[in-house]
């Protein structure tokens, strides 16, 4: 199975597998658009479909994949501590590099 980075479309590989595939029943309500879904949630309606409970784990594995492309070898991830246990080189990619003069002063 393959998908776009936002999961907007999926397809089976090889394409011949589509012949016997049937779509599962729709279980989740769909919004008009991602933007309107967010606006509804901000106004106190139902939570957004892509709320933090869903988005954070998704982004975490996406970042882990990006780091794995940069650092050779097997990486061991400690999800609780949010760092690699066997590679300081990999850990350096977990936080953005901010150039001097561009820091946020909170």
PDB file of N, CA and C in Angstrom:
ATOM      1  N   UNK A   1       0.844  -1.160   0.000  1.00  0.00           N
ATOM      2  CA  UNK A   1       0.000   0.000   0.000  1.00  0.00           C
ATOM      3  C   UNK A   1       0.897   1.233   0.000  1.00  0.00           C
ATOM      4  N   UNK A   2       0.493   2.245  -0.705  1.00  0.00           N
ATOM      5  CA  UNK A   2       1.226   3.507  -0.756  1.00  0.00           C
ATOM      6  C   UNK A   2       0.239   4.643  -0.524  1.00  0.00           C
ATOM      7  N   UNK A   3       0.744   5.777  -0.065  1.00  0.00           N
ATOM      8  CA  UNK A   3      -0.101   6.941   0.189  1.00  0.00           C
ATOM      9  C   UNK A   3       0.705   8.209   0.000  1.00  0.00           C
ATOM     10  N   UNK A   4       0.013   9.329  -0.103  1.00  0.00           N
ATOM     11  CA  UNK A   4       0.699  10.617  -0.138  1.00  0.00           C
ATOM     12  C   UNK A   4       1.157  10.948   1.272  1.00  0.00           C
ATOM     13  N   UNK A   5       1.951  11.984   1.438  1.00  0.00           N
ATOM     14  CA  UNK A   5       2.465  12.333   2.762  1.00  0.00           C
ATOM     15  C   UNK A   5       1.356  12.750   3.717  1.00  0.00           C
ATOM     16  N   UNK A   6       0.234  13.212   3.191  1.00  0.00           N
ATOM     17  CA  UNK A   6      -0.884  13.609   4.049  1.00  0.00           C
ATOM     18  C   UNK A   6      -1.977  12.555   4.097  1.00  0.00           C
ATOM     19  N   UNK A   7      -1.750  11.408   3.495  1.00  0.00           N
ATOM     20  CA  UNK A   7      -2.722  10.333   3.536  1.00  0.00           C
ATOM     21  C   UNK A   7      -3.990  10.615   2.744  1.00  0.00           C
ATOM     22  N   UNK A   8      -3.907  11.505   1.774  1.00  0.00           N
ATOM     23  CA  UNK A   8      -5.104  11.896   1.030  1.00  0.00           C
ATOM     24  C   UNK A   8      -5.536  10.865   0.005  1.00  0.00           C
ATOM     25  N   UNK A   9      -4.661  10.046  -0.409  1.00  0.00           N
ATOM     26  CA  UNK A   9      -5.006   9.019  -1.374  1.00  0.00           C
ATOM     27  C   UNK A   9      -4.166   7.791  -1.110  1.00  0.00           C
ATOM     28  N   UNK A  10      -4.765   6.644  -1.240  1.00  0.00           N
ATOM     29  CA  UNK A  10      -4.007   5.407  -1.063  1.00  0.00           C
ATOM     30  C   UNK A  10      -4.184   4.544  -2.296  1.00  0.00           C
ATOM     31  N   UNK A  11      -3.198   3.739  -2.559  1.00  0.00           N
ATOM     32  CA  UNK A  11      -3.297   2.798  -3.662  1.00  0.00           C
ATOM     33  C   UNK A  11      -2.514   1.549  -3.313  1.00  0.00           C
ATOM     34  N   UNK A  12      -2.960   0.469  -3.875  1.00  0.00           N
ATOM     35  CA  UNK A  12      -2.304  -0.810  -3.636  1.00  0.00           C
ATOM     36  C   UNK A  12      -1.289  -1.080  -4.724  1.00  0.00           C
ATOM     37  N   UNK A  13      -0.188  -1.653  -4.326  1.00  0.00           N
ATOM     38  CA  UNK A  13       0.853  -2.032  -5.271  1.00  0.00           C
ATOM     39  C   UNK A  13       1.036  -3.535  -5.197  1.00  0.00           C
ATOM     40  N   UNK A  14       1.032  -4.234  -6.271  1.00  0.00           N
ATOM     41  CA  UNK A  14       0.844  -3.794  -7.647  1.00  0.00           C
ATOM     42  C   UNK A  14      -0.615  -3.405  -7.907  1.00  0.00           C
ATOM     43  N   UNK A  15      -0.845  -2.625  -8.952  1.00  0.00           N
ATOM     44  CA  UNK A  15      -2.173  -2.094  -9.275  1.00  0.00           C
ATOM     45  C   UNK A  15      -3.209  -3.195  -9.481  1.00  0.00           C
ATOM     46  N   UNK A  16      -2.793  -4.368  -9.864  1.00  0.00           N
ATOM     47  CA  UNK A  16      -3.737  -5.473 -10.093  1.00  0.00           C
ATOM     48  C   UNK A  16      -4.505  -5.843  -8.821  1.00  0.00           C
ATOM     49  N   UNK A  17      -3.971  -5.482  -7.648  1.00  0.00           N
ATOM     50  CA  UNK A  17      -4.640  -5.805  -6.381  1.00  0.00           C
ATOM     51  C   UNK A  17      -5.900  -4.975  -6.165  1.00  0.00           C
ATOM     52  N   UNK A  18      -6.056  -3.873  -6.897  1.00  0.00           N
ATOM     53  CA  UNK A  18      -7.258  -3.043  -6.771  1.00  0.00           C
ATOM     54  C   UNK A  18      -8.497  -3.803  -7.220  1.00  0.00           C
ATOM     55  N   UNK A  19      -8.345  -4.785  -8.082  1.00  0.00           N
ATOM     56  CA  UNK A  19      -9.503  -5.500  -8.639  1.00  0.00           C
ATOM     57  C   UNK A  19     -10.365  -6.126  -7.547  1.00  0.00           C
ATOM     58  N   UNK A  20      -9.737  -6.719  -6.540  1.00  0.00           N
ATOM     59  CA  UNK A  20     -10.522  -7.382  -5.502  1.00  0.00           C
ATOM     60  C   UNK A  20     -10.741  -6.531  -4.246  1.00  0.00           C
ATOM     61  N   UNK A  21     -10.286  -5.295  -4.245  1.00  0.00           N
ATOM     62  CA  UNK A  21     -10.402  -4.434  -3.063  1.00  0.00           C
ATOM     63  C   UNK A  21     -11.757  -3.736  -3.012  1.00  0.00           C
ATOM     64  N   UNK A  22     -12.355  -3.693  -1.825  1.00  0.00           N
ATOM     65  CA  UNK A  22     -13.565  -2.898  -1.606  1.00  0.00           C
ATOM     66  C   UNK A  22     -13.296  -1.939  -0.454  1.00  0.00           C
ATOM     67  N   UNK A  23     -13.833  -0.744  -0.554  1.00  0.00           N
ATOM     68  CA  UNK A  23     -13.617   0.262   0.484  1.00  0.00           C
ATOM     69  C   UNK A  23     -14.301  -0.157   1.781  1.00  0.00           C
ATOM     70  N   UNK A  24     -13.668   0.091   2.934  1.00  0.00           N
ATOM     71  CA  UNK A  24     -14.315  -0.210   4.212  1.00  0.00           C
ATOM     72  C   UNK A  24     -15.418   0.814   4.478  1.00  0.00           C
ATOM     73  N   UNK A  25     -16.350   0.503   5.382  1.00  0.00           N
ATOM     74  CA  UNK A  25     -17.394   1.482   5.695  1.00  0.00           C
ATOM     75  C   UNK A  25     -16.783   2.717   6.355  1.00  0.00           C
ATOM     76  N   UNK A  26     -17.370   3.870   6.079  1.00  0.00           N
ATOM     77  CA  UNK A  26     -16.872   5.118   6.665  1.00  0.00           C
ATOM     78  C   UNK A  26     -17.299   5.169   8.125  1.00  0.00           C
ATOM     79  N   UNK A  27     -16.340   5.299   9.036  1.00  0.00           N
ATOM     80  CA  UNK A  27     -16.618   5.318  10.468  1.00  0.00           C
ATOM     81  C   UNK A  27     -16.497   6.709  11.070  1.00  0.00           C
ATOM     82  N   UNK A  28     -15.640   7.535  10.502  1.00  0.00           N
ATOM     83  CA  UNK A  28     -15.400   8.864  11.050  1.00  0.00           C
ATOM     84  C   UNK A  28     -16.144   9.912  10.245  1.00  0.00           C
ATOM     85  N   UNK A  29     -16.702  10.927  10.932  1.00  0.00           N
ATOM     86  CA  UNK A  29     -17.338  12.011  10.181  1.00  0.00           C
ATOM     87  C   UNK A  29     -16.282  12.793   9.409  1.00  0.00           C
ATOM     88  N   UNK A  30     -16.616  13.242   8.236  1.00  0.00           N
ATOM     89  CA  UNK A  30     -15.700  14.011   7.401  1.00  0.00           C
ATOM     90  C   UNK A  30     -16.101  15.478   7.423  1.00  0.00           C
ATOM     91  N   UNK A  31     -15.131  16.348   7.414  1.00  0.00           N
ATOM     92  CA  UNK A  31     -15.404  17.784   7.398  1.00  0.00           C
ATOM     93  C   UNK A  31     -15.370  18.298   5.968  1.00  0.00           C
ATOM     94  N   UNK A  32     -15.885  19.508   5.803  1.00  0.00           N
ATOM     95  CA  UNK A  32     -15.888  20.145   4.487  1.00  0.00           C
ATOM     96  C   UNK A  32     -14.457  20.368   4.016  1.00  0.00           C
ATOM     97  N   UNK A  33     -13.599  20.835   4.934  1.00  0.00           N
ATOM     98  CA  UNK A  33     -12.195  21.074   4.614  1.00  0.00           C
ATOM     99  C   UNK A  33     -11.389  21.053   5.909  1.00  0.00           C
ATOM    100  N   UNK A  34     -10.091  20.924   5.759  1.00  0.00           N
ATOM    101  CA  UNK A  34      -9.208  20.931   6.925  1.00  0.00           C
ATOM    102  C   UNK A  34      -9.346  22.252   7.686  1.00  0.00           C
ATOM    103  N   UNK A  35      -9.435  23.355   6.952  1.00  0.00           N
ATOM    104  CA  UNK A  35      -9.545  24.675   7.575  1.00  0.00           C
ATOM    105  C   UNK A  35     -10.840  24.802   8.362  1.00  0.00           C
ATOM    106  N   UNK A  36     -11.955  24.405   7.765  1.00  0.00           N
ATOM    107  CA  UNK A  36     -13.241  24.515   8.453  1.00  0.00           C
ATOM    108  C   UNK A  36     -13.320  23.558   9.642  1.00  0.00           C
ATOM    109  N   UNK A  37     -12.659  22.436   9.554  1.00  0.00           N
ATOM    110  CA  UNK A  37     -12.579  21.508  10.677  1.00  0.00           C
ATOM    111  C   UNK A  37     -11.897  22.194  11.857  1.00  0.00           C
ATOM    112  N   UNK A  38     -10.816  22.908  11.589  1.00  0.00           N
ATOM    113  CA  UNK A  38     -10.074  23.638  12.619  1.00  0.00           C
ATOM    114  C   UNK A  38     -10.925  24.775  13.190  1.00  0.00           C
ATOM    115  N   UNK A  39     -11.610  25.531  12.326  1.00  0.00           N
ATOM    116  CA  UNK A  39     -12.458  26.644  12.775  1.00  0.00           C
ATOM    117  C   UNK A  39     -13.563  26.121  13.691  1.00  0.00           C
ATOM    118  N   UNK A  40     -14.220  25.028  13.304  1.00  0.00           N
ATOM    119  CA  UNK A  40     -15.282  24.446  14.128  1.00  0.00           C
ATOM    120  C   UNK A  40     -14.749  24.077  15.514  1.00  0.00           C
ATOM    121  N   UNK A  41     -13.560  23.472  15.565  1.00  0.00           N
ATOM    122  CA  UNK A  41     -12.966  23.086  16.845  1.00  0.00           C
ATOM    123  C   UNK A  41     -12.644  24.318  17.686  1.00  0.00           C
ATOM    124  N   UNK A  42     -12.131  25.377  17.057  1.00  0.00           N
ATOM    125  CA  UNK A  42     -11.800  26.610  17.780  1.00  0.00           C
ATOM    126  C   UNK A  42     -13.042  27.264  18.374  1.00  0.00           C
ATOM    127  N   UNK A  43     -14.168  27.115  17.703  1.00  0.00           N
ATOM    128  CA  UNK A  43     -15.421  27.712  18.176  1.00  0.00           C
ATOM    129  C   UNK A  43     -16.110  26.854  19.228  1.00  0.00           C
ATOM    130  N   UNK A  44     -15.454  25.800  19.662  1.00  0.00           N
ATOM    131  CA  UNK A  44     -16.007  24.976  20.730  1.00  0.00           C
ATOM    132  C   UNK A  44     -16.791  23.771  20.261  1.00  0.00           C
ATOM    133  N   UNK A  45     -16.733  23.485  18.983  1.00  0.00           N
ATOM    134  CA  UNK A  45     -17.417  22.300  18.457  1.00  0.00           C
ATOM    135  C   UNK A  45     -16.603  21.047  18.720  1.00  0.00           C
ATOM    136  N   UNK A  46     -16.903  20.029  17.961  1.00  0.00           N
ATOM    137  CA  UNK A  46     -16.179  18.760  18.096  1.00  0.00           C
ATOM    138  C   UNK A  46     -14.686  18.981  17.849  1.00  0.00           C
ATOM    139  N   UNK A  47     -13.826  18.204  18.496  1.00  0.00           N
ATOM    140  CA  UNK A  47     -12.382  18.345  18.262  1.00  0.00           C
ATOM    141  C   UNK A  47     -12.042  18.145  16.789  1.00  0.00           C
ATOM    142  N   UNK A  48     -10.978  18.799  16.363  1.00  0.00           N
ATOM    143  CA  UNK A  48     -10.525  18.657  14.976  1.00  0.00           C
ATOM    144  C   UNK A  48     -10.116  17.211  14.710  1.00  0.00           C
ATOM    145  N   UNK A  49     -10.329  16.766  13.488  1.00  0.00           N
ATOM    146  CA  UNK A  49      -9.950  15.391  13.122  1.00  0.00           C
ATOM    147  C   UNK A  49      -8.452  15.172  13.288  1.00  0.00           C
ATOM    148  N   UNK A  50      -7.669  16.218  13.077  1.00  0.00           N
ATOM    149  CA  UNK A  50      -6.221  16.107  13.204  1.00  0.00           C
ATOM    150  C   UNK A  50      -5.757  16.837  14.460  1.00  0.00           C
ATOM    151  N   UNK A  51      -6.335  16.470  15.591  1.00  0.00           N
ATOM    152  CA  UNK A  51      -5.932  17.121  16.837  1.00  0.00           C
ATOM    153  C   UNK A  51      -4.567  16.597  17.286  1.00  0.00           C
ATOM    154  N   UNK A  52      -4.050  17.150  18.358  1.00  0.00           N
ATOM    155  CA  UNK A  52      -2.701  16.797  18.794  1.00  0.00           C
ATOM    156  C   UNK A  52      -2.565  15.327  19.177  1.00  0.00           C
ATOM    157  N   UNK A  53      -3.633  14.720  19.702  1.00  0.00           N
ATOM    158  CA  UNK A  53      -3.560  13.302  20.060  1.00  0.00           C
ATOM    159  C   UNK A  53      -3.247  12.432  18.847  1.00  0.00           C
ATOM    160  N   UNK A  54      -3.690  12.872  17.686  1.00  0.00           N
ATOM    161  CA  UNK A  54      -3.445  12.136  16.449  1.00  0.00           C
ATOM    162  C   UNK A  54      -2.172  12.634  15.769  1.00  0.00           C
ATOM    163  N   UNK A  55      -2.008  13.947  15.720  1.00  0.00           N
ATOM    164  CA  UNK A  55      -0.914  14.543  14.948  1.00  0.00           C
ATOM    165  C   UNK A  55       0.467  14.283  15.552  1.00  0.00           C
ATOM    166  N   UNK A  56       0.589  14.328  16.862  1.00  0.00           N
ATOM    167  CA  UNK A  56       1.912  14.203  17.487  1.00  0.00           C
ATOM    168  C   UNK A  56       2.570  12.853  17.187  1.00  0.00           C
ATOM    169  N   UNK A  57       1.893  11.717  17.395  1.00  0.00           N
ATOM    170  CA  UNK A  57       2.554  10.447  17.056  1.00  0.00           C
ATOM    171  C   UNK A  57       2.886  10.336  15.565  1.00  0.00           C
ATOM    172  N   UNK A  58       2.021  10.885  14.722  1.00  0.00           N
ATOM    173  CA  UNK A  58       2.277  10.845  13.278  1.00  0.00           C
ATOM    174  C   UNK A  58       3.545  11.623  12.942  1.00  0.00           C
ATOM    175  N   UNK A  59       3.667  12.828  13.471  1.00  0.00           N
ATOM    176  CA  UNK A  59       4.841  13.660  13.201  1.00  0.00           C
ATOM    177  C   UNK A  59       6.090  13.021  13.798  1.00  0.00           C
ATOM    178  N   UNK A  60       5.938  12.377  14.960  1.00  0.00           N
ATOM    179  CA  UNK A  60       7.091  11.732  15.593  1.00  0.00           C
ATOM    180  C   UNK A  60       7.683  10.667  14.673  1.00  0.00           C
ATOM    181  N   UNK A  61       6.860   9.772  14.127  1.00  0.00           N
ATOM    182  CA  UNK A  61       7.435   8.732  13.263  1.00  0.00           C
ATOM    183  C   UNK A  61       7.930   9.313  11.956  1.00  0.00           C
ATOM    184  N   UNK A  62       7.325  10.408  11.503  1.00  0.00           N
ATOM    185  CA  UNK A  62       7.800  11.056  10.283  1.00  0.00           C
ATOM    186  C   UNK A  62       9.212  11.615  10.494  1.00  0.00           C
ATOM    187  N   UNK A  63       9.439  12.265  11.629  1.00  0.00           N
ATOM    188  CA  UNK A  63      10.757  12.819  11.947  1.00  0.00           C
ATOM    189  C   UNK A  63      11.780  11.693  12.136  1.00  0.00           C
ATOM    190  N   UNK A  64      11.360  10.610  12.782  1.00  0.00           N
ATOM    191  CA  UNK A  64      12.277   9.483  12.973  1.00  0.00           C
ATOM    192  C   UNK A  64      12.743   8.931  11.633  1.00  0.00           C
ATOM    193  N   UNK A  65      11.847   8.872  10.673  1.00  0.00           N
ATOM    194  CA  UNK A  65      12.227   8.417   9.337  1.00  0.00           C
ATOM    195  C   UNK A  65      13.218   9.357   8.682  1.00  0.00           C
ATOM    196  N   UNK A  66      13.002  10.663   8.848  1.00  0.00           N
ATOM    197  CA  UNK A  66      13.914  11.651   8.264  1.00  0.00           C
ATOM    198  C   UNK A  66      15.303  11.542   8.894  1.00  0.00           C
ATOM    199  N   UNK A  67      15.355  11.329  10.205  1.00  0.00           N
ATOM    200  CA  UNK A  67      16.647  11.171  10.884  1.00  0.00           C
ATOM    201  C   UNK A  67      17.326   9.887  10.414  1.00  0.00           C
ATOM    202  N   UNK A  68      16.563   8.815  10.276  1.00  0.00           N
ATOM    203  CA  UNK A  68      17.133   7.535   9.842  1.00  0.00           C
ATOM    204  C   UNK A  68      17.757   7.632   8.449  1.00  0.00           C
ATOM    205  N   UNK A  69      17.243   8.515   7.616  1.00  0.00           N
ATOM    206  CA  UNK A  69      17.839   8.710   6.293  1.00  0.00           C
ATOM    207  C   UNK A  69      19.202   9.394   6.378  1.00  0.00           C
ATOM    208  N   UNK A  70      19.424  10.175   7.422  1.00  0.00           N
ATOM    209  CA  UNK A  70      20.682  10.922   7.572  1.00  0.00           C
ATOM    210  C   UNK A  70      21.760  10.161   8.320  1.00  0.00           C
ATOM    211  N   UNK A  71      21.355   9.263   9.211  1.00  0.00           N
ATOM    212  CA  UNK A  71      22.317   8.590  10.094  1.00  0.00           C
ATOM    213  C   UNK A  71      22.347   7.100   9.758  1.00  0.00           C
ATOM    214  N   UNK A  72      23.495   6.592   9.321  1.00  0.00           N
ATOM    215  CA  UNK A  72      23.566   5.173   8.960  1.00  0.00           C
ATOM    216  C   UNK A  72      23.497   4.264  10.188  1.00  0.00           C
ATOM    217  N   UNK A  73      23.032   3.059   9.966  1.00  0.00           N
ATOM    218  CA  UNK A  73      23.000   2.060  11.033  1.00  0.00           C
ATOM    219  C   UNK A  73      21.654   1.992  11.725  1.00  0.00           C
ATOM    220  N   UNK A  74      21.552   1.043  12.651  1.00  0.00           N
ATOM    221  CA  UNK A  74      20.320   0.822  13.400  1.00  0.00           C
ATOM    222  C   UNK A  74      20.221   1.843  14.527  1.00  0.00           C
ATOM    223  N   UNK A  75      19.065   2.463  14.652  1.00  0.00           N
ATOM    224  CA  UNK A  75      18.834   3.452  15.699  1.00  0.00           C
ATOM    225  C   UNK A  75      17.840   2.898  16.710  1.00  0.00           C
ATOM    226  N   UNK A  76      18.107   3.132  17.978  1.00  0.00           N
ATOM    227  CA  UNK A  76      17.223   2.687  19.055  1.00  0.00           C
ATOM    228  C   UNK A  76      16.536   3.920  19.639  1.00  0.00           C
ATOM    229  N   UNK A  77      15.190   3.950  19.603  1.00  0.00           N
ATOM    230  CA  UNK A  77      14.412   5.112  20.010  1.00  0.00           C
ATOM    231  C   UNK A  77      13.778   4.886  21.375  1.00  0.00           C
ATOM    232  N   UNK A  78      13.946   5.849  22.275  1.00  0.00           N
ATOM    233  CA  UNK A  78      13.305   5.839  23.586  1.00  0.00           C
ATOM    234  C   UNK A  78      12.157   6.849  23.518  1.00  0.00           C
ATOM    235  N   UNK A  79      10.943   6.363  23.304  1.00  0.00           N
ATOM    236  CA  UNK A  79       9.790   7.249  23.111  1.00  0.00           C
ATOM    237  C   UNK A  79       9.489   8.069  24.360  1.00  0.00           C
ATOM    238  N   UNK A  80       9.720   7.505  25.518  1.00  0.00           N
ATOM    239  CA  UNK A  80       9.433   8.222  26.761  1.00  0.00           C
ATOM    240  C   UNK A  80      10.354   9.434  26.929  1.00  0.00           C
ATOM    241  N   UNK A  81      11.633   9.250  26.622  1.00  0.00           N
ATOM    242  CA  UNK A  81      12.610  10.343  26.754  1.00  0.00           C
ATOM    243  C   UNK A  81      12.727  11.178  25.481  1.00  0.00           C
ATOM    244  N   UNK A  82      12.118  10.703  24.384  1.00  0.00           N
ATOM    245  CA  UNK A  82      12.138  11.397  23.097  1.00  0.00           C
ATOM    246  C   UNK A  82      13.560  11.603  22.586  1.00  0.00           C
ATOM    247  N   UNK A  83      14.354  10.532  22.646  1.00  0.00           N
ATOM    248  CA  UNK A  83      15.716  10.596  22.111  1.00  0.00           C
ATOM    249  C   UNK A  83      16.209   9.202  21.756  1.00  0.00           C
ATOM    250  N   UNK A  84      17.241   9.194  20.920  1.00  0.00           N
ATOM    251  CA  UNK A  84      17.875   7.938  20.545  1.00  0.00           C
ATOM    252  C   UNK A  84      18.824   7.535  21.660  1.00  0.00           C
ATOM    253  N   UNK A  85      18.822   6.263  22.002  1.00  0.00           N
ATOM    254  CA  UNK A  85      19.675   5.801  23.099  1.00  0.00           C
ATOM    255  C   UNK A  85      21.067   5.412  22.626  1.00  0.00           C
ATOM    256  N   UNK A  86      21.248   5.272  21.322  1.00  0.00           N
ATOM    257  CA  UNK A  86      22.538   4.783  20.833  1.00  0.00           C
ATOM    258  C   UNK A  86      23.204   5.705  19.809  1.00  0.00           C
ATOM    259  N   UNK A  87      22.735   6.951  19.673  1.00  0.00           N
ATOM    260  CA  UNK A  87      23.348   7.812  18.662  1.00  0.00           C
ATOM    261  C   UNK A  87      23.159   9.295  18.975  1.00  0.00           C
ATOM    262  N   UNK A  88      24.217   9.917  19.467  1.00  0.00           N
ATOM    263  CA  UNK A  88      24.170  11.369  19.674  1.00  0.00           C
ATOM    264  C   UNK A  88      24.094  12.098  18.340  1.00  0.00           C
ATOM    265  N   UNK A  89      24.677  11.496  17.312  1.00  0.00           N
ATOM    266  CA  UNK A  89      24.592  12.099  15.983  1.00  0.00           C
ATOM    267  C   UNK A  89      23.126  12.227  15.557  1.00  0.00           C
ATOM    268  N   UNK A  90      22.349  11.182  15.785  1.00  0.00           N
ATOM    269  CA  UNK A  90      20.926  11.223  15.433  1.00  0.00           C
ATOM    270  C   UNK A  90      20.176  12.213  16.316  1.00  0.00           C
ATOM    271  N   UNK A  91      20.523  12.285  17.592  1.00  0.00           N
ATOM    272  CA  UNK A  91      19.840  13.199  18.512  1.00  0.00           C
ATOM    273  C   UNK A  91      19.996  14.659  18.110  1.00  0.00           C
ATOM    274  N   UNK A  92      21.090  14.999  17.445  1.00  0.00           N
ATOM    275  CA  UNK A  92      21.295  16.399  17.057  1.00  0.00           C
ATOM    276  C   UNK A  92      20.243  16.871  16.047  1.00  0.00           C
ATOM    277  N   UNK A  93      19.605  15.943  15.343  1.00  0.00           N
ATOM    278  CA  UNK A  93      18.591  16.315  14.347  1.00  0.00           C
ATOM    279  C   UNK A  93      17.191  16.448  14.939  1.00  0.00           C
ATOM    280  N   UNK A  94      17.039  16.180  16.224  1.00  0.00           N
ATOM    281  CA  UNK A  94      15.717  16.233  16.841  1.00  0.00           C
ATOM    282  C   UNK A  94      15.283  17.645  17.205  1.00  0.00           C
ATOM    283  N   UNK A  95      16.203  18.550  17.304  1.00  0.00           N
ATOM    284  CA  UNK A  95      15.888  19.950  17.619  1.00  0.00           C
ATOM    285  C   UNK A  95      16.410  20.813  16.489  1.00  0.00           C
ATOM    286  N   UNK A  96      15.674  21.860  16.157  1.00  0.00           N
ATOM    287  CA  UNK A  96      16.126  22.705  15.043  1.00  0.00           C
ATOM    288  C   UNK A  96      17.383  23.487  15.397  1.00  0.00           C
ATOM    289  N   UNK A  97      18.215  23.695  14.401  1.00  0.00           N
ATOM    290  CA  UNK A  97      19.373  24.561  14.563  1.00  0.00           C
ATOM    291  C   UNK A  97      18.897  25.984  14.309  1.00  0.00           C
ATOM    292  N   UNK A  98      19.083  26.855  15.277  1.00  0.00           N
ATOM    293  CA  UNK A  98      18.643  28.243  15.143  1.00  0.00           C
ATOM    294  C   UNK A  98      19.876  29.134  15.108  1.00  0.00           C
ATOM    295  N   UNK A  99      20.015  29.861  14.012  1.00  0.00           N
ATOM    296  CA  UNK A  99      21.181  30.724  13.843  1.00  0.00           C
ATOM    297  C   UNK A  99      21.168  31.874  14.848  1.00  0.00           C
ATOM    298  N   UNK A 100      22.354  32.318  15.225  1.00  0.00           N
ATOM    299  CA  UNK A 100      22.504  33.430  16.155  1.00  0.00           C
ATOM    300  C   UNK A 100      21.777  34.653  15.595  1.00  0.00           C
ATOM    301  N   UNK A 101      21.024  35.292  16.457  1.00  0.00           N
ATOM    302  CA  UNK A 101      20.251  36.456  16.056  1.00  0.00           C
ATOM    303  C   UNK A 101      18.809  36.129  15.694  1.00  0.00           C
ATOM    304  N   UNK A 102      18.504  34.844  15.533  1.00  0.00           N
ATOM    305  CA  UNK A 102      17.149  34.426  15.173  1.00  0.00           C
ATOM    306  C   UNK A 102      16.453  33.691  16.321  1.00  0.00           C
ATOM    307  N   UNK A 103      17.043  33.721  17.509  1.00  0.00           N
ATOM    308  CA  UNK A 103      16.457  33.025  18.645  1.00  0.00           C
ATOM    309  C   UNK A 103      15.157  33.715  19.063  1.00  0.00           C
ATOM    310  N   UNK A 104      14.248  32.928  19.631  1.00  0.00           N
ATOM    311  CA  UNK A 104      13.017  33.489  20.178  1.00  0.00           C
ATOM    312  C   UNK A 104      13.257  33.823  21.637  1.00  0.00           C
ATOM    313  N   UNK A 105      12.889  35.013  22.017  1.00  0.00           N
ATOM    314  CA  UNK A 105      13.040  35.430  23.413  1.00  0.00           C
ATOM    315  C   UNK A 105      11.665  35.384  24.061  1.00  0.00           C
ATOM    316  N   UNK A 106      11.436  34.314  24.822  1.00  0.00           N
ATOM    317  CA  UNK A 106      10.122  34.120  25.448  1.00  0.00           C
ATOM    318  C   UNK A 106      10.115  34.562  26.879  1.00  0.00           C
TER     319      UNK A 106
END
